[in-house]
Each structure stands twice: as C-alpha cells, then as structure tokens.
Amino acid sequence: MHISSRAQKIEPFYVMEVAKAASTLAHEVAHTDAPMIFLNIGEPDFTAPPLVQAAAEKAIRDGRTQYTPATGLHSLRERISHWYTQRFGVNVSAERIVVTAGASAALQLACLALIESGDEILMPDPSYPCNRHFVSAAEGRAVLLPTTAAERFQLTPEAVKAAWGARTRGVLLASPSNPTGTSIHPDALRGIHQVVQSHGGITLVDEIYLGLSFDAQFGQTALALDDNIISINSFSKYFSMTGWRLGWMVVPEKLVSVIERLAQNLFICPSTIAQHAALACFEPESLALYEQRRSEFKARRDYFLPQLNAMGLTVPVMPDGAFYAWADCSAACAKLGVKDSWDFAFEVMNKAHVALTPGRDFGTAQTQNFVRFSTASSMEHLQQAVARLRALLM
C-alpha cells in the first residue's frame, strides 16, 4: 500500500509515545508503594462542572442531537462573544466566531483556508508540535525560529522581520504557550502583528490557555489589536472539557464564509451535545467554579516550580499561564549519567515512577536539554512527585 508523502512528513507525537510507555509501566506498579504519577499529559484533572454535565444529559433526553449549522449554535457563539466582553473587555461579534470540533479542527480549517502549497509559516522553537503539522497538512512549511529565555521563549518583532522571506505567509504563535507556559508581551505581539501586516500576511494566535492566565500583564487576548487577528480557542483547558472535542475560532468577517464552506465539507458540524453542554459553561455558577480552579492551578505552579529549581531542574522563565513547567534538565542528566532529556524522562519514569515529557517533540533549539512537567495533576500528586524526584536527584 502506498503511503502519501504528506502523511510520511508527519512525525510521531512523542508525547503520546512516552504516555504509552508510562501506561504500560503504571499497570505493572499499580499495586506497589509507588504507583505511577502522571505529570506528562496536559489535561486538567478537573472534569466539566455539574451544570455542563446536566446540560449534556438534558440535550440527550430532549433529543437535541441533530446537526447544527457548520459554524455552530448561534446561541453558543453569542455566549462566547459575551465572554470576551465580560472577561477581556473586547467586543467580538458573534458573527466572527466559528465553533469547531476542538481547537485542532479550528487550526486545520485556518491552515487550509489560508496556506498555499510551499507557503512558510514562522513559529517559535520550542512550540506545540501539532501546530506545525497542521501547516504541513496544508502543504505549507513550518519554519521554527530558535528562541531564548530572555525572549520568554516567544518570537520577537525583530526575529520575524529578519526571517521573513519570499515564501513567508505569516506567523503561528501561542500565548500562553505549550510547552513553556509563557505568553507574548502585548508590546511584542503588537510589533509582530505590524510586521506581518506590512507584508500582507496572517497573524494566527493559539489562545487555548488564555483563560488560565495568572498575570494581568499577559492575560489579554490578541483580538484586542484589530479585526485581522485570527484567534484559536478551546473548551478543553480552562473549561475542563478535553474529551468533548469542542473549540472555536475568531476570524475576520470576510473569512467566515470560507471557513464555513470548508467546515461543511470536512466536519459537517461540531458535536451537537457538546455545544448544548457548553452553553452552561457561561452560567455564573460555572464561571465561579472555573475561577476557583484557575486559582488552584496557580497554587500548584507556585508550589511546584520552586521545588524543581531547588533540585537543579531549572525553570528559566516563570510561566504566567497554562499548567506547564519547561525545565532545564542538563545538570540532572549529568548527575544520573544519561545523555539527554529523552533518556532522563525514561530514567525518571523507571526509577521514580514519575512520567514527564522530554523536549524532543517541541523543536530542536536545545530541546534535548529540557523536559516539560504538567502541573495539571492534584497538589497531592505534585508533592509525592517532588519527594520521589528529590530522592533520585539529591
């Protein structure tokens, strides 16, 4: 059977490969004194709030399970629009919002709508691997620009300007970022967007962790800049609905009909049940719970990162959002006598029964020296992980 060159260009998602190994070992040690602690997957340990679950059950009971418009329930688009006003003070018309089958579908639709074969999209290194694969799937090419801690592991206007070439079509940013948890400073984002606009390009911003911002300086949506920004968001992270596969995108008005046409053909519509459930995300009771959970995520960060630093797993930039720690494991590798973060992750997994993610997935700019910890697990699990890591490393 012939496999397309397009498919062969897509590298394995090593995060999931490590997760499979961790799950296998977890089964073997499940009944020991040290069962596996999973700090590798970026999935909240919280589930959808009671009102959301009840809304899904009611939709099923009432038979509201048929197709919706490809752009999503208008009532949900209106709720999202109101949330932008309420949370960020930004007026985003419901007509510019397209509900999608997860943020992944939104990124795929955006790339298919805007990228021609051979177009280049500038992205930071490190960055979330699937984002560059969406570009590849649209027959474009992701160009990873190395970043440093001094730049918060984000692109700068100067870097974008210097890297812009004849085939460059735009930038794909993430704020807050996976794997670093860092956001782009508003001034830097404004400067990047100005460079992009001067070339007639596209500024695409992944904002799926925006609800989990801990610093008002960074917790602003890129949509505040102007209507030419394309923003991707999701119900997975802040709204605790990972498996419901529901997201949205905000696009310029002239692009809505294009996205709608693509969505009609590729997805028909997002999950109807998930959409009816998501309406309850914006009830005051649910929003209060989400804010309580955001505080819990911040408390976990504030506990866990100083512990990593004390063990020589240095986090060079304090994450201002999401639930990740991007830690330099060079010193720890030397102490354990292993080559790089990939071997370090398996050493920790096998000896301490703590699963984490090596930097291999996220780029090539010194990623062999970094590992990503997820602090989406409970405080109890984080405390246990610290004790095991300390026993191994100190």
Protein backbone atom coordinates (compact mmCIF):
# COMPACT_ATOMS: atom_id res chain seq x y z
CA MET A 1 0.00 0.00 0.00
CA HIS A 2 1.39 3.40 -0.99
CA ILE A 3 1.52 5.93 1.85
CA SER A 4 1.24 9.55 0.79
CA SER A 5 4.27 11.79 1.12
CA ARG A 6 2.03 14.15 3.09
CA ALA A 7 1.44 11.51 5.75
CA GLN A 8 5.08 10.50 5.83
CA LYS A 9 6.13 14.05 6.64
CA ILE A 10 4.17 13.94 9.91
CA GLU A 11 6.47 12.83 12.70
CA PRO A 12 5.20 10.68 15.57
CA PHE A 13 3.69 12.58 18.50
CA TYR A 14 6.34 11.58 21.02
CA VAL A 15 4.28 12.90 23.93
CA MET A 16 1.87 10.06 23.27
CA GLU A 17 4.68 7.54 22.72
CA VAL A 18 6.03 8.34 26.18
CA ALA A 19 2.50 8.19 27.55
CA LYS A 20 2.08 4.66 26.20
CA ALA A 21 5.30 3.53 27.88
CA ALA A 22 4.22 5.19 31.12
CA SER A 23 0.81 3.49 30.99
CA THR A 24 2.43 0.08 30.50
CA LEU A 25 4.71 0.60 33.48
CA ALA A 26 1.84 2.06 35.50
CA HIS A 27 -0.04 -1.22 35.13
CA GLU A 28 2.98 -3.13 36.46
CA VAL A 29 3.45 -0.88 39.52
CA ALA A 30 -0.21 -0.14 40.23
CA HIS A 31 -0.28 -2.17 43.45
CA THR A 32 3.13 -1.17 44.77
CA ASP A 33 4.02 1.54 47.28
CA ALA A 34 4.93 3.85 44.39
CA PRO A 35 2.24 3.83 41.70
CA MET A 36 2.88 5.94 38.62
CA ILE A 37 2.37 9.69 38.90
CA PHE A 38 1.49 11.26 35.56
CA LEU A 39 2.95 14.72 35.01
CA ASN A 40 3.27 14.28 31.26
CA ILE A 41 -0.13 14.99 29.71
CA GLY A 42 -1.62 18.48 29.52
CA GLU A 43 -5.09 17.57 30.68
CA PRO A 44 -6.84 19.14 33.68
CA ASP A 45 -7.67 16.72 36.48
CA PHE A 46 -10.96 18.60 36.81
CA THR A 47 -13.96 17.47 34.80
CA ALA A 48 -16.80 19.51 33.34
CA PRO A 49 -18.81 21.33 36.05
CA PRO A 50 -22.17 19.96 37.22
CA LEU A 51 -24.22 22.41 35.15
CA VAL A 52 -22.35 21.43 31.99
CA GLN A 53 -22.86 17.73 32.62
CA ALA A 54 -26.54 18.32 33.35
CA ALA A 55 -26.96 20.32 30.15
CA ALA A 56 -25.49 17.44 28.13
CA GLU A 57 -27.82 14.94 29.77
CA LYS A 58 -30.82 17.19 29.12
CA ALA A 59 -29.87 17.62 25.45
CA ILE A 60 -29.81 13.85 25.06
CA ARG A 61 -33.11 13.37 26.90
CA ASP A 62 -34.75 16.11 24.84
CA GLY A 63 -33.47 14.67 21.57
CA ARG A 64 -31.41 17.74 20.68
CA THR A 65 -28.75 15.65 18.96
CA GLN A 66 -29.21 16.52 15.30
CA TYR A 67 -26.85 18.54 13.11
CA THR A 68 -26.30 22.18 13.92
CA PRO A 69 -25.05 24.81 11.46
CA ALA A 70 -21.45 24.20 10.45
CA THR A 71 -20.44 27.36 12.30
CA GLY A 72 -22.11 26.17 15.49
CA LEU A 73 -25.18 27.09 17.51
CA HIS A 74 -25.78 30.81 17.24
CA SER A 75 -26.65 30.90 20.93
CA LEU A 76 -23.24 29.47 21.78
CA ARG A 77 -21.48 31.95 19.50
CA GLU A 78 -23.32 34.72 21.33
CA ARG A 79 -22.27 33.34 24.74
CA ILE A 80 -18.64 33.25 23.62
CA SER A 81 -18.94 36.81 22.31
CA HIS A 82 -20.30 37.97 25.67
CA TRP A 83 -17.45 36.16 27.48
CA TYR A 84 -14.89 38.21 25.52
CA THR A 85 -16.64 41.38 26.63
CA GLN A 86 -17.02 40.28 30.22
CA ARG A 87 -13.56 38.75 30.71
CA PHE A 88 -11.32 40.83 28.44
CA GLY A 89 -13.28 43.99 27.69
CA VAL A 90 -13.08 43.26 23.96
CA ASN A 91 -16.01 43.49 21.57
CA VAL A 92 -16.01 40.39 19.34
CA SER A 93 -19.06 39.98 17.14
CA ALA A 94 -20.75 36.59 17.34
CA GLU A 95 -20.76 36.58 13.54
CA ARG A 96 -16.95 36.33 13.54
CA ILE A 97 -16.96 33.30 15.84
CA VAL A 98 -16.98 29.79 14.36
CA VAL A 99 -17.49 26.86 16.72
CA THR A 100 -15.33 23.88 15.77
CA ALA A 101 -14.65 20.24 16.64
CA GLY A 102 -11.91 21.22 19.05
CA ALA A 103 -9.08 23.69 18.59
CA SER A 104 -7.46 21.11 16.32
CA ALA A 105 -10.27 21.47 13.80
CA ALA A 106 -10.00 25.25 14.04
CA LEU A 107 -6.28 25.14 13.26
CA GLN A 108 -6.87 22.75 10.38
CA LEU A 109 -9.57 24.96 8.92
CA ALA A 110 -7.44 28.09 9.27
CA CYS A 111 -4.44 26.45 7.60
CA LEU A 112 -6.49 25.02 4.74
CA ALA A 113 -8.17 28.37 4.17
CA LEU A 114 -5.01 30.48 4.14
CA ILE A 115 -1.95 28.41 3.22
CA GLU A 116 -0.91 27.56 -0.33
CA SER A 117 1.49 24.76 -1.20
CA GLY A 118 5.02 25.89 -0.34
CA ASP A 119 3.99 28.77 1.90
CA GLU A 120 6.11 29.22 5.00
CA ILE A 121 4.72 29.92 8.46
CA LEU A 122 7.06 31.28 11.14
CA MET A 123 6.77 29.67 14.58
CA PRO A 124 8.81 29.76 17.79
CA ASP A 125 11.09 26.92 18.78
CA PRO A 126 10.04 25.39 21.17
CA SER A 127 6.34 25.14 20.34
CA TYR A 128 3.49 22.66 20.32
CA PRO A 129 4.31 20.03 17.66
CA CYS A 130 0.80 19.52 16.31
CA ASN A 131 0.63 23.17 15.27
CA ARG A 132 3.45 22.76 12.79
CA HIS A 133 1.88 19.56 11.50
CA PHE A 134 -1.34 21.42 10.70
CA VAL A 135 0.79 23.66 8.49
CA SER A 136 2.38 20.59 6.85
CA ALA A 137 -1.03 19.00 6.27
CA ALA A 138 -1.98 22.11 4.27
CA GLU A 139 1.23 21.57 2.22
CA GLY A 140 2.92 24.53 3.84
CA ARG A 141 6.20 24.53 5.72
CA ALA A 142 6.63 25.47 9.37
CA VAL A 143 9.82 27.47 9.89
CA LEU A 144 10.91 27.21 13.51
CA LEU A 145 12.83 30.21 14.83
CA PRO A 146 15.01 29.48 17.89
CA THR A 147 14.01 31.44 20.98
CA THR A 148 15.67 32.03 24.34
CA ALA A 149 14.65 32.50 27.94
CA ALA A 150 15.43 36.21 27.56
CA GLU A 151 12.67 36.32 24.91
CA ARG A 152 10.32 34.29 27.13
CA PHE A 153 10.68 31.52 24.50
CA GLN A 154 8.48 33.62 22.20
CA LEU A 155 9.07 35.30 18.85
CA THR A 156 10.04 38.95 18.71
CA PRO A 157 9.23 41.56 16.04
CA GLU A 158 12.92 41.69 15.16
CA ALA A 159 13.13 37.92 14.65
CA VAL A 160 10.01 37.88 12.48
CA LYS A 161 11.24 40.79 10.38
CA ALA A 162 14.66 39.17 9.88
CA ALA A 163 13.22 35.76 8.97
CA TRP A 164 10.52 36.99 6.59
CA GLY A 165 11.22 35.72 3.09
CA ALA A 166 9.64 35.44 -0.33
CA ARG A 167 7.59 32.38 0.65
CA THR A 168 6.60 33.56 4.13
CA ARG A 169 2.83 33.71 4.57
CA GLY A 170 2.53 34.58 8.23
CA VAL A 171 3.13 33.56 11.84
CA LEU A 172 1.55 30.97 14.13
CA LEU A 173 2.01 31.94 17.77
CA ALA A 174 0.74 30.54 21.06
CA SER A 175 0.06 32.65 24.12
CA PRO A 176 0.28 31.16 26.74
CA SER A 177 2.50 28.58 25.12
CA ASN A 178 2.74 24.84 25.33
CA PRO A 179 5.37 23.72 26.47
CA THR A 180 6.65 26.81 28.29
CA GLY A 181 3.51 28.35 29.81
CA THR A 182 4.82 31.78 28.78
CA SER A 183 2.86 34.46 26.98
CA ILE A 184 3.92 37.08 24.46
CA HIS A 185 4.26 40.55 25.92
CA PRO A 186 1.48 42.74 24.45
CA ASP A 187 4.06 45.17 23.04
CA ALA A 188 5.92 42.33 21.32
CA LEU A 189 2.69 40.93 19.91
CA ARG A 190 1.73 44.33 18.57
CA GLY A 191 5.14 44.67 16.93
CA ILE A 192 4.94 41.20 15.37
CA HIS A 193 1.47 41.91 14.01
CA GLN A 194 2.68 45.18 12.49
CA VAL A 195 5.50 43.34 10.70
CA VAL A 196 3.04 40.73 9.43
CA GLN A 197 0.55 43.35 8.27
CA SER A 198 3.26 45.27 6.43
CA HIS A 199 3.78 42.13 4.31
CA GLY A 200 0.07 41.45 3.86
CA GLY A 201 0.44 38.26 5.91
CA ILE A 202 -1.61 36.43 8.54
CA THR A 203 -1.27 36.51 12.32
CA LEU A 204 -2.65 33.31 13.78
CA VAL A 205 -2.63 33.02 17.59
CA ASP A 206 -3.36 29.87 19.57
CA GLU A 207 -5.05 31.13 22.75
CA ILE A 208 -6.37 27.86 24.14
CA TYR A 209 -4.72 28.51 27.54
CA LEU A 210 -5.72 32.17 27.71
CA GLY A 211 -8.37 31.52 30.36
CA LEU A 212 -5.64 30.09 32.57
CA SER A 213 -3.56 33.29 32.72
CA PHE A 214 -2.18 34.28 36.12
CA ASP A 215 -0.73 37.68 35.28
CA ALA A 216 -2.89 40.59 34.16
CA GLN A 217 0.01 41.99 32.10
CA PHE A 218 -0.13 38.93 29.83
CA GLY A 219 -3.71 37.72 30.23
CA GLN A 220 -5.07 39.69 27.28
CA THR A 221 -6.48 38.39 24.04
CA ALA A 222 -4.69 39.20 20.80
CA LEU A 223 -8.12 40.15 19.42
CA ALA A 224 -7.73 43.49 21.17
CA LEU A 225 -5.23 44.54 18.46
CA ASP A 226 -7.56 44.59 15.45
CA ASP A 227 -10.05 42.52 13.45
CA ASN A 228 -7.34 40.96 11.25
CA ILE A 229 -6.09 38.70 14.03
CA ILE A 230 -7.16 35.05 13.83
CA SER A 231 -7.56 33.53 17.27
CA ILE A 232 -7.95 29.85 18.12
CA ASN A 233 -9.54 28.82 21.40
CA SER A 234 -10.94 25.74 23.08
CA PHE A 235 -13.29 24.41 25.72
CA SER A 236 -10.66 21.83 26.70
CA LYS A 237 -8.34 23.59 29.13
CA TYR A 238 -9.94 26.45 31.08
CA PHE A 239 -13.41 24.97 30.62
CA SER A 240 -12.29 21.40 31.55
CA MET A 241 -13.88 19.68 28.55
CA THR A 242 -10.94 17.90 26.89
CA GLY A 243 -12.75 14.81 25.59
CA TRP A 244 -15.81 16.74 24.46
CA ARG A 245 -13.80 17.97 21.44
CA LEU A 246 -15.16 21.48 21.18
CA GLY A 247 -13.37 24.70 20.32
CA TRP A 248 -13.81 27.88 18.36
CA MET A 249 -12.02 30.39 16.20
CA VAL A 250 -12.43 34.12 15.67
CA VAL A 251 -11.72 35.29 12.14
CA PRO A 252 -12.16 38.44 10.04
CA GLU A 253 -15.70 38.75 8.70
CA LYS A 254 -14.62 38.17 5.11
CA LEU A 255 -13.15 34.80 6.08
CA VAL A 256 -16.27 33.41 7.82
CA SER A 257 -17.97 32.15 4.67
CA VAL A 258 -14.74 30.45 3.53
CA ILE A 259 -14.31 28.68 6.88
CA GLU A 260 -17.99 27.74 6.87
CA ARG A 261 -17.68 26.14 3.43
CA LEU A 262 -14.66 24.12 4.49
CA ALA A 263 -16.30 23.09 7.78
CA GLN A 264 -19.45 21.94 5.98
CA ASN A 265 -17.42 19.58 3.84
CA LEU A 266 -14.82 18.39 6.34
CA PHE A 267 -16.73 18.23 9.64
CA ILE A 268 -20.44 18.94 8.89
CA CYS A 269 -20.68 20.43 12.39
CA PRO A 270 -19.16 20.18 15.86
CA SER A 271 -20.70 17.77 18.38
CA THR A 272 -24.26 18.91 18.99
CA ILE A 273 -24.36 17.51 22.52
CA ALA A 274 -21.07 19.19 23.42
CA GLN A 275 -22.39 22.51 22.10
CA HIS A 276 -25.56 22.37 24.19
CA ALA A 277 -23.46 21.43 27.20
CA ALA A 278 -21.02 24.28 26.58
CA LEU A 279 -23.80 26.84 26.87
CA ALA A 280 -23.75 26.09 30.61
CA CYS A 281 -20.04 26.98 30.83
CA PHE A 282 -21.04 30.63 30.89
CA GLU A 283 -23.54 30.41 33.73
CA PRO A 284 -22.37 32.39 36.79
CA GLU A 285 -22.10 29.22 38.88
CA SER A 286 -19.84 27.56 36.30
CA LEU A 287 -17.68 30.64 35.78
CA ALA A 288 -17.17 30.95 39.53
CA LEU A 289 -16.00 27.34 39.64
CA TYR A 290 -13.63 27.89 36.72
CA GLU A 291 -12.07 30.85 38.51
CA GLN A 292 -11.67 28.76 41.65
CA ARG A 293 -9.89 26.13 39.57
CA ARG A 294 -7.67 28.76 37.97
CA SER A 295 -6.56 29.76 41.46
CA GLU A 296 -5.80 26.11 42.21
CA PHE A 297 -3.66 25.82 39.08
CA LYS A 298 -1.74 28.92 40.16
CA ALA A 299 -1.22 27.47 43.64
CA ARG A 300 0.18 24.29 42.11
CA ARG A 301 2.57 26.32 39.97
CA ASP A 302 3.67 28.39 42.95
CA TYR A 303 4.44 25.23 44.93
CA PHE A 304 5.99 23.04 42.25
CA LEU A 305 8.35 25.35 40.37
CA PRO A 306 10.47 26.41 43.36
CA GLN A 307 10.82 22.72 44.20
CA LEU A 308 12.13 21.98 40.70
CA ASN A 309 14.57 24.87 40.86
CA ALA A 310 15.89 23.64 44.22
CA MET A 311 16.63 20.24 42.68
CA GLY A 312 18.58 21.66 39.77
CA LEU A 313 15.71 21.25 37.31
CA THR A 314 15.84 24.93 36.50
CA VAL A 315 12.80 26.65 35.03
CA PRO A 316 14.38 29.71 33.37
CA VAL A 317 11.13 31.62 32.83
CA MET A 318 8.27 31.57 35.32
CA PRO A 319 5.17 30.51 33.35
CA ASP A 320 2.44 33.13 33.54
CA GLY A 321 -0.33 30.78 32.39
CA ALA A 322 -1.38 27.24 31.47
CA PHE A 323 -0.09 24.37 33.64
CA TYR A 324 3.41 23.58 32.41
CA ALA A 325 6.98 23.88 33.63
CA TRP A 326 9.72 23.91 30.96
CA ALA A 327 12.73 22.76 32.95
CA ASP A 328 16.40 22.53 32.01
CA CYS A 329 17.49 19.02 32.97
CA SER A 330 21.14 19.30 31.87
CA ALA A 331 22.54 19.17 35.39
CA ALA A 332 20.22 16.33 36.34
CA CYS A 333 21.25 14.37 33.24
CA ALA A 334 24.88 14.71 34.24
CA LYS A 335 24.10 13.57 37.77
CA LEU A 336 22.26 10.47 36.55
CA GLY A 337 24.75 9.78 33.78
CA VAL A 338 22.22 9.96 30.94
CA LYS A 339 22.64 11.63 27.58
CA ASP A 340 19.65 13.94 27.15
CA SER A 341 16.09 14.73 28.18
CA TRP A 342 14.70 11.70 26.35
CA ASP A 343 16.83 9.30 28.37
CA PHE A 344 16.24 11.38 31.50
CA ALA A 345 12.46 11.05 31.12
CA PHE A 346 12.70 7.27 30.92
CA GLU A 347 15.16 7.13 33.83
CA VAL A 348 12.74 9.11 36.00
CA MET A 349 9.82 7.03 34.79
CA ASN A 350 11.51 3.72 35.58
CA LYS A 351 13.22 4.67 38.86
CA ALA A 352 10.90 7.25 40.41
CA HIS A 353 7.66 6.24 38.69
CA VAL A 354 7.02 9.81 37.60
CA ALA A 355 6.00 10.34 33.98
CA LEU A 356 7.11 13.55 32.28
CA THR A 357 7.63 14.70 28.71
CA PRO A 358 11.06 15.08 27.06
CA GLY A 359 11.65 18.14 24.91
CA ARG A 360 12.03 16.16 21.69
CA ASP A 361 8.52 16.92 20.46
CA PHE A 362 8.74 20.66 20.74
CA GLY A 363 11.53 21.60 18.34
CA THR A 364 15.31 21.47 18.01
CA ALA A 365 16.53 24.61 19.79
CA GLN A 366 18.24 22.97 22.79
CA THR A 367 15.12 20.90 23.40
CA GLN A 368 17.34 17.91 24.17
CA ASN A 369 18.17 19.76 27.42
CA PHE A 370 14.58 20.36 28.50
CA VAL A 371 11.65 18.41 29.87
CA ARG A 372 8.07 19.51 30.29
CA PHE A 373 6.21 18.89 33.52
CA SER A 374 2.44 19.23 33.64
CA THR A 375 1.04 20.67 36.85
CA ALA A 376 -2.49 19.73 35.89
CA SER A 377 -2.38 16.93 38.48
CA SER A 378 -3.51 17.33 42.08
CA MET A 379 -1.38 19.04 44.73
CA GLU A 380 -1.06 15.68 46.49
CA HIS A 381 0.41 14.10 43.37
CA LEU A 382 2.77 17.02 42.87
CA GLN A 383 4.02 16.70 46.45
CA GLN A 384 4.58 12.98 46.02
CA ALA A 385 6.42 13.60 42.74
CA VAL A 386 8.69 16.15 44.42
CA ALA A 387 9.58 13.65 47.15
CA ARG A 388 10.46 10.97 44.59
CA LEU A 389 12.45 13.33 42.37
CA ARG A 390 14.37 14.63 45.36
CA ALA A 391 15.22 11.09 46.43
CA LEU A 392 16.52 10.36 42.93
CA LEU A 393 18.43 13.58 42.34
CA MET A 394 19.68 14.81 45.71
